[in-house]
Protein backbone atom coordinates (compact mmCIF):
# COMPACT_ATOMS: atom_id res chain seq x y z
CA GLY A 1 -9.91 -17.84 -24.25
CA GLU A 2 -10.99 -14.54 -25.31
CA ILE A 3 -12.68 -13.87 -21.98
CA MET A 4 -10.32 -14.51 -20.39
CA ILE A 5 -7.84 -11.88 -22.31
CA ASN A 6 -10.99 -9.35 -22.25
CA HIS A 7 -10.49 -9.49 -18.44
CA LEU A 8 -6.87 -9.06 -18.92
CA ILE A 9 -6.72 -6.22 -20.70
CA PHE A 10 -9.91 -4.52 -18.14
CA VAL A 11 -6.75 -5.37 -15.76
CA VAL A 12 -4.03 -3.36 -17.39
CA ASN A 13 -6.26 -0.66 -18.32
CA ASN A 14 -7.04 0.29 -15.19
CA LEU A 15 -3.68 -0.46 -13.48
CA PHE A 16 -2.13 1.86 -15.65
CA GLN A 17 -5.45 4.41 -15.38
CA ILE A 18 -5.19 4.37 -11.13
CA TYR A 19 -1.19 5.26 -11.77
CA PHE A 20 -2.10 7.67 -14.39
CA TRP A 21 -4.33 9.56 -11.15
CA LEU A 22 -1.83 8.86 -9.06
CA ILE A 23 1.00 10.38 -10.86
CA LEU A 24 -1.48 13.54 -10.85
CA VAL A 25 -2.35 13.73 -7.85
CA ARG A 26 1.24 13.95 -7.02
CA CYS A 27 1.64 16.50 -9.19
CA LEU A 28 -0.77 18.41 -8.29
CA LEU A 29 -0.07 18.50 -4.89
CA SER A 30 3.27 19.37 -5.09
CA PHE A 31 1.99 23.13 -5.74
CA VAL A 32 0.21 22.99 -1.97
CA PRO A 33 3.28 23.98 0.35
CA THR A 34 2.51 22.78 3.48
CA ILE A 35 2.14 18.91 2.21
CA ASP A 36 4.15 16.97 5.06
CA TRP A 37 6.01 14.37 2.51
CA TYR A 38 7.21 11.93 5.04
CA LYS A 39 3.00 11.25 6.70
CA GLN A 40 0.78 9.10 4.96
CA PRO A 41 -0.95 9.01 2.92
CA PHE A 42 1.11 11.67 1.14
CA ALA A 43 4.19 9.34 1.57
CA ALA A 44 2.92 6.43 -0.04
CA VAL A 45 1.96 8.66 -3.27
CA ARG A 46 5.30 10.10 -3.19
CA ASP A 47 7.45 6.82 -2.97
CA VAL A 48 5.39 5.20 -5.54
CA THR A 49 5.18 7.76 -8.28
CA ASP A 50 8.67 8.88 -8.08
CA LEU A 51 10.08 5.87 -8.98
CA TYR A 52 8.70 5.83 -12.30
CA LEU A 53 8.78 10.26 -12.65
CA ASN A 54 12.61 10.18 -11.51
CA ILE A 55 13.63 8.19 -14.44
CA PHE A 56 12.87 11.13 -16.27
CA ARG A 57 13.58 13.74 -13.65
CA ARG A 58 17.34 13.06 -14.57
CA ILE A 59 17.02 13.39 -18.51
CA ILE A 60 14.45 16.47 -18.65
CA PRO A 61 15.67 19.46 -16.15
CA PRO A 62 13.03 21.67 -15.04
CA ILE A 63 12.78 24.89 -16.59
CA ASN A 64 12.66 28.27 -14.70
CA GLY A 65 12.20 26.01 -11.64
CA TRP A 66 9.07 24.43 -13.23
CA ASP A 67 9.98 20.08 -13.68
CA LEU A 68 8.36 19.51 -16.81
CA SER A 69 9.05 15.40 -16.24
CA PRO A 70 5.78 14.42 -15.25
CA ILE A 71 3.94 15.32 -18.72
CA VAL A 72 6.73 13.32 -20.59
CA ALA A 73 5.92 10.38 -17.82
CA ILE A 74 1.84 10.24 -18.48
CA LEU A 75 2.69 10.44 -22.66
CA VAL A 76 5.02 7.59 -21.90
CA LEU A 77 3.08 5.63 -19.33
CA GLN A 78 0.10 6.33 -22.39
CA VAL A 79 1.16 4.75 -24.57
CA ILE A 80 3.48 1.47 -22.78
CA ASN A 81 -0.85 1.11 -21.98
CA TYR A 82 -1.27 1.42 -25.63
CA ILE A 83 1.07 -1.21 -26.42
CA ILE A 84 0.22 -3.46 -24.58
CA ILE A 85 -3.58 -2.85 -24.93
CA MET A 86 -2.92 -4.18 -28.85
CA GLY A 87 -0.75 -6.85 -27.32
CA LEU A 88 -3.08 -8.18 -25.71
CA LEU A 89 -5.66 -7.47 -28.54
CA MET A 90 -4.06 -9.52 -31.37
CA LEU A 91 -4.19 -12.76 -28.43
CA ARG A 92 -8.09 -13.19 -28.95
């Protein structure tokens, strides 16, 4: 019942937070020119985050060389997280 929903909310929220941090790490590492994105663990971070980020990169072009799509991607991720958590709370 309610305990299972609470655990599910905890897990879902933590998964979204982990993904948020992976996107943030991906963005910060993009400023390090010496990173080899084909070596681990960087390749794993790139592969996991770019699947989602590429959706927004197709829609939002870079502005003066700056890729602003991660900002929109993070906002959308937070909205999706909120909608899912609210839906789970309604099940309680």
